[in-house]
Protein backbone atom coordinates (compact mmCIF):
# COMPACT_ATOMS: atom_id res chain seq x y z
CA MET A 1 9.01 -4.66 -35.50
CA SER A 2 9.83 -4.02 -31.83
CA TYR A 3 9.18 -0.62 -30.26
CA GLN A 4 11.47 0.37 -27.40
CA ALA A 5 9.43 1.45 -24.38
CA PHE A 6 10.07 2.41 -20.77
CA VAL A 7 7.45 1.93 -18.05
CA LEU A 8 7.74 4.45 -15.23
CA THR A 9 6.15 2.87 -12.17
CA LYS A 10 6.60 2.50 -8.43
CA SER A 11 8.61 -0.49 -7.25
CA ILE A 12 7.38 -0.65 -3.69
CA HIS A 13 6.67 -4.16 -2.40
CA ARG A 14 3.43 -4.20 -0.49
CA GLU A 15 0.18 -6.07 -0.35
CA SER A 16 -1.32 -6.17 -3.84
CA THR A 17 -4.17 -3.74 -4.51
CA GLY A 18 -6.62 -3.39 -7.37
CA ASN A 19 -4.49 -0.68 -8.98
CA ASP A 20 -1.35 -2.79 -8.63
CA ASN A 21 -3.08 -5.69 -10.36
CA ALA A 22 -4.20 -3.37 -13.18
CA ASN A 23 -0.62 -2.14 -13.50
CA GLN A 24 0.80 -5.66 -13.76
CA ARG A 25 -1.91 -6.69 -16.23
CA PHE A 26 -1.27 -3.70 -18.51
CA VAL A 27 2.52 -4.10 -18.49
CA ALA A 28 2.22 -7.83 -19.15
CA ILE A 29 0.22 -7.14 -22.33
CA LEU A 30 2.72 -4.71 -23.88
CA PRO A 31 5.31 -7.25 -25.16
CA SER A 32 2.60 -9.08 -27.12
CA CYS A 33 1.71 -5.71 -28.68
CA GLY A 34 5.22 -5.32 -30.09
CA PHE A 35 6.88 -3.31 -27.31
CA SER A 36 10.30 -4.14 -25.86
CA ILE A 37 9.86 -3.17 -22.22
CA THR A 38 12.20 -1.78 -19.58
CA SER A 39 10.72 -0.50 -16.33
CA GLY A 40 11.74 1.28 -13.17
CA PRO A 41 10.87 3.97 -10.59
CA ILE A 42 13.27 6.60 -11.98
CA THR A 43 13.00 8.48 -15.26
CA PRO A 44 15.64 7.06 -17.61
CA SER A 45 18.62 9.08 -18.76
CA ARG A 46 18.58 11.30 -21.84
CA SER A 47 20.69 8.79 -23.76
CA VAL A 48 18.08 6.10 -23.11
CA LEU A 49 15.12 8.32 -23.93
CA ILE A 50 16.60 9.33 -27.28
CA ASP A 51 16.25 5.71 -28.43
CA THR A 52 12.89 5.15 -26.74
CA HIS A 53 9.65 5.16 -28.76
CA THR A 54 7.13 5.27 -25.91
CA LEU A 55 7.18 6.21 -22.23
CA PHE A 56 4.36 4.58 -20.28
CA ILE A 57 3.61 6.23 -16.93
CA ASP A 58 1.56 4.54 -14.22
CA ALA A 59 -1.05 7.09 -13.07
CA ASN A 60 -0.21 6.13 -9.47
CA TYR A 61 3.49 6.88 -9.93
CA CYS A 62 3.12 10.51 -8.91
CA SER A 63 0.51 13.25 -8.70
CA GLN A 64 -1.57 14.24 -11.70
CA ALA A 65 -0.08 17.74 -11.61
CA SER A 66 3.44 16.29 -11.80
CA ILE A 67 2.51 14.13 -14.79
CA LEU A 68 0.97 17.08 -16.60
CA ASN A 69 4.07 19.22 -16.05
CA LEU A 70 6.68 16.74 -17.23
CA SER A 71 9.51 18.51 -19.04
CA LEU A 72 9.88 15.35 -21.14
CA ILE A 73 6.95 16.45 -23.28
CA SER A 74 8.84 19.42 -24.70
CA ASP A 75 12.37 18.04 -24.31
CA PHE A 76 11.71 14.87 -26.32
CA PRO A 77 9.13 15.68 -29.02
CA HIS A 78 9.66 12.28 -30.68
CA LEU A 79 8.64 10.45 -27.51
CA SER A 80 5.08 9.16 -27.18
CA ILE A 81 4.03 9.70 -23.57
CA ILE A 82 1.19 7.47 -22.39
CA VAL A 83 -0.50 7.40 -18.99
CA PHE A 84 -2.15 4.14 -17.93
CA ASN A 85 -4.09 2.92 -14.91
CA VAL A 86 -6.30 6.06 -15.07
CA PRO A 87 -9.88 5.96 -13.72
CA GLU A 88 -12.26 6.30 -16.67
CA GLU A 89 -14.47 8.81 -14.86
CA ASN A 90 -11.57 11.27 -14.39
CA THR A 91 -12.38 13.15 -17.59
CA GLU A 92 -10.84 16.43 -16.40
CA PHE A 93 -7.42 14.78 -16.22
CA HIS A 94 -7.97 13.19 -19.65
CA TYR A 95 -8.74 16.58 -21.17
CA ALA A 96 -5.85 18.33 -19.42
CA ALA A 97 -3.45 15.58 -20.55
CA LEU A 98 -4.52 16.02 -24.17
CA GLN A 99 -4.02 19.78 -23.92
CA LYS A 100 -0.56 19.35 -22.39
CA GLY A 101 0.69 17.15 -25.23
CA ILE A 102 0.41 13.69 -23.69
CA ASN A 103 -0.27 11.19 -26.47
CA GLY A 104 -2.76 8.83 -24.88
CA ILE A 105 -4.54 7.43 -21.84
CA PHE A 106 -5.51 3.88 -20.93
CA HIS A 107 -8.12 3.21 -18.24
CA VAL A 108 -7.86 0.87 -15.28
CA ASN A 109 -10.59 -1.40 -16.64
CA ASP A 110 -9.75 -1.34 -20.36
CA SER A 111 -10.27 -4.68 -22.07
CA LEU A 112 -7.44 -6.64 -23.67
CA GLU A 113 -8.87 -5.83 -27.11
CA LEU A 114 -8.97 -2.10 -26.36
CA ILE A 115 -5.40 -2.07 -25.06
CA VAL A 116 -4.16 -3.85 -28.19
CA ARG A 117 -6.04 -1.42 -30.46
CA GLY A 118 -4.67 1.54 -28.53
CA ALA A 119 -1.12 0.17 -28.69
CA GLN A 120 -1.42 -0.16 -32.47
CA GLN A 121 -2.51 3.47 -32.78
CA ILE A 122 0.30 4.68 -30.52
CA GLN A 123 2.84 2.80 -32.64
CA LYS A 124 1.51 4.63 -35.70
CA GLY A 125 2.05 7.97 -33.98
CA ASN A 126 -1.65 8.61 -33.36
CA LYS A 127 -3.38 9.88 -30.23
CA TRP A 128 -5.35 7.50 -28.01
CA PHE A 129 -8.14 9.19 -26.04
CA SER A 130 -11.82 8.52 -25.61
CA ARG A 131 -14.19 9.89 -28.25
CA GLU A 132 -15.78 12.12 -25.58
CA VAL A 133 -12.46 13.77 -24.72
CA MET A 134 -11.41 14.19 -28.37
CA SER A 135 -14.78 15.69 -29.30
CA ARG A 136 -14.60 18.09 -26.38
CA TYR A 137 -11.07 19.15 -27.37
CA ILE A 138 -11.99 19.65 -31.02
CA ASP A 139 -15.14 21.60 -30.16
CA ALA A 140 -13.24 23.86 -27.75
CA ASN A 141 -10.50 24.58 -30.26
CA LEU A 142 -12.92 25.13 -33.11
CA SER A 143 -14.64 27.74 -30.98
CA LEU A 144 -11.33 29.35 -30.07
CA SER A 145 -10.04 29.31 -33.62
CA HIS A 146 -13.25 30.89 -34.85
CA THR A 147 -12.76 33.71 -32.35
CA ASN A 148 -9.24 34.23 -33.68
CA ASN A 149 -10.34 33.89 -37.30
CA LEU A 150 -8.25 30.72 -37.52
CA SER A 151 -10.99 28.16 -37.84
CA VAL A 152 -10.04 24.71 -39.11
CA GLN A 153 -11.36 24.64 -42.62
CA THR A 154 -10.75 23.31 -46.08
CA PRO A 155 -11.07 25.29 -49.32
CA ASN A 156 -14.74 24.26 -49.39
CA ASN A 157 -16.16 24.27 -45.88
CA VAL A 158 -15.71 23.33 -42.21
CA LEU A 159 -16.66 19.76 -41.37
CA THR A 160 -19.80 19.32 -39.32
CA LYS A 161 -19.58 17.94 -35.77
CA ARG A 162 -20.77 14.52 -36.97
CA GLU A 163 -18.26 14.55 -39.84
CA LEU A 164 -15.46 15.41 -37.41
CA ALA A 165 -16.53 12.55 -35.14
CA ILE A 166 -16.56 10.12 -38.08
CA THR A 167 -13.17 11.40 -39.23
CA GLN A 168 -11.81 10.75 -35.74
CA LYS A 169 -13.11 7.17 -35.90
CA ILE A 170 -11.46 6.70 -39.30
CA THR A 171 -8.12 7.86 -37.85
CA GLU A 172 -8.54 5.16 -35.19
CA GLY A 173 -8.83 2.55 -37.93
CA ALA A 174 -12.59 2.00 -37.76
CA GLN A 175 -14.36 0.63 -40.83
CA ASN A 176 -17.81 1.70 -42.04
CA GLN A 177 -19.72 -1.03 -40.18
CA GLU A 178 -17.99 -0.22 -36.89
CA ILE A 179 -18.68 3.50 -37.37
CA ALA A 180 -22.32 2.73 -38.12
CA ASP A 181 -22.60 0.66 -34.94
CA ASN A 182 -20.95 3.39 -32.86
CA PHE A 183 -23.28 6.14 -34.04
CA HIS A 184 -26.38 3.93 -34.48
CA ILE A 185 -26.75 4.81 -38.14
CA SER A 186 -26.81 2.73 -41.31
CA VAL A 187 -23.70 1.84 -43.30
CA ASN A 188 -25.14 3.77 -46.26
CA THR A 189 -25.41 6.87 -44.08
CA VAL A 190 -21.79 6.42 -43.06
CA LYS A 191 -20.79 6.16 -46.74
CA THR A 192 -22.66 9.38 -47.46
CA HIS A 193 -20.82 11.16 -44.63
CA VAL A 194 -17.46 9.77 -45.78
CA TYR A 195 -18.11 10.95 -49.33
CA SER A 196 -18.93 14.42 -48.01
CA ILE A 197 -15.79 14.40 -45.85
CA PHE A 198 -13.61 13.42 -48.82
CA ARG A 199 -15.20 16.15 -50.93
CA LYS A 200 -14.72 18.88 -48.32
CA THR A 201 -11.17 17.89 -47.44
CA GLU A 202 -10.20 17.12 -51.06
CA CYS A 203 -8.91 13.72 -49.93
CA ARG A 204 -9.06 10.72 -52.25
CA ASN A 205 -8.85 7.98 -49.64
CA ARG A 206 -8.59 7.27 -45.93
CA VAL A 207 -4.82 7.51 -45.84
CA GLU A 208 -4.95 11.05 -47.19
CA LEU A 209 -7.80 11.88 -44.79
CA ILE A 210 -5.76 10.70 -41.79
CA LYS A 211 -2.86 12.91 -42.89
CA TRP A 212 -5.26 15.83 -43.36
CA PHE A 213 -6.76 15.33 -39.89
CA ASP A 214 -3.33 15.09 -38.24
CA ASN A 215 -2.33 18.33 -39.95
CA GLN A 216 -5.47 20.12 -38.73
CA PHE A 217 -5.02 18.69 -35.24
CA ASN A 218 -1.44 20.00 -35.07
CA GLN A 219 -2.65 23.44 -36.16
CA LEU A 220 -5.20 23.42 -33.35
CA ARG A 221 -2.51 22.60 -30.81
CA GLN A 222 -0.41 25.54 -31.97
CA ILE A 223 -3.24 27.93 -31.11
CA ASN A 224 -3.01 27.10 -27.39
């Protein structure tokens, strides 16, 4: 299946820089990830965007404030908006982008494997942010929702911070061994956490858990 995508990027011919090389590398990978690419320096027309699955924006295309205030986010709710070529250390922008409704961020130095994994998640309609940013967002909204008596909870109990982190990894497609390696725990410990997560969320499998998590995540966004 091919996903229609538009890459919004500068088209100024000048001596190649590190960021330009990262741009070219990222865009060159997208077709092998299943995207049909069109690119240019001007936001495409409404008629084009209606049939577009993903809008990729080069972080160097315009200012961070301009990216965060794109009317496209609200005008085209079906459109996945992704910013690439972003410095990994710029966590404040990552967090602000997540809050604003941007669907994902790719870093300047992301590996080929990471870009492919991220592209697969974007195609599924999932978010693609670092675990640090997602954890920070979830923690902040859990605190806010508790203040407003709207805490994210199931009929049984609220998931612990570790259970939320493991749930996030599951939504990214991670298997038990990968989760164990990420958190430096045993596979058996992961299985115990997953069992507890299923019990608390009343989910029977990972597919149902992903749907549950997406539903909770959308509720958190509505609070803002």
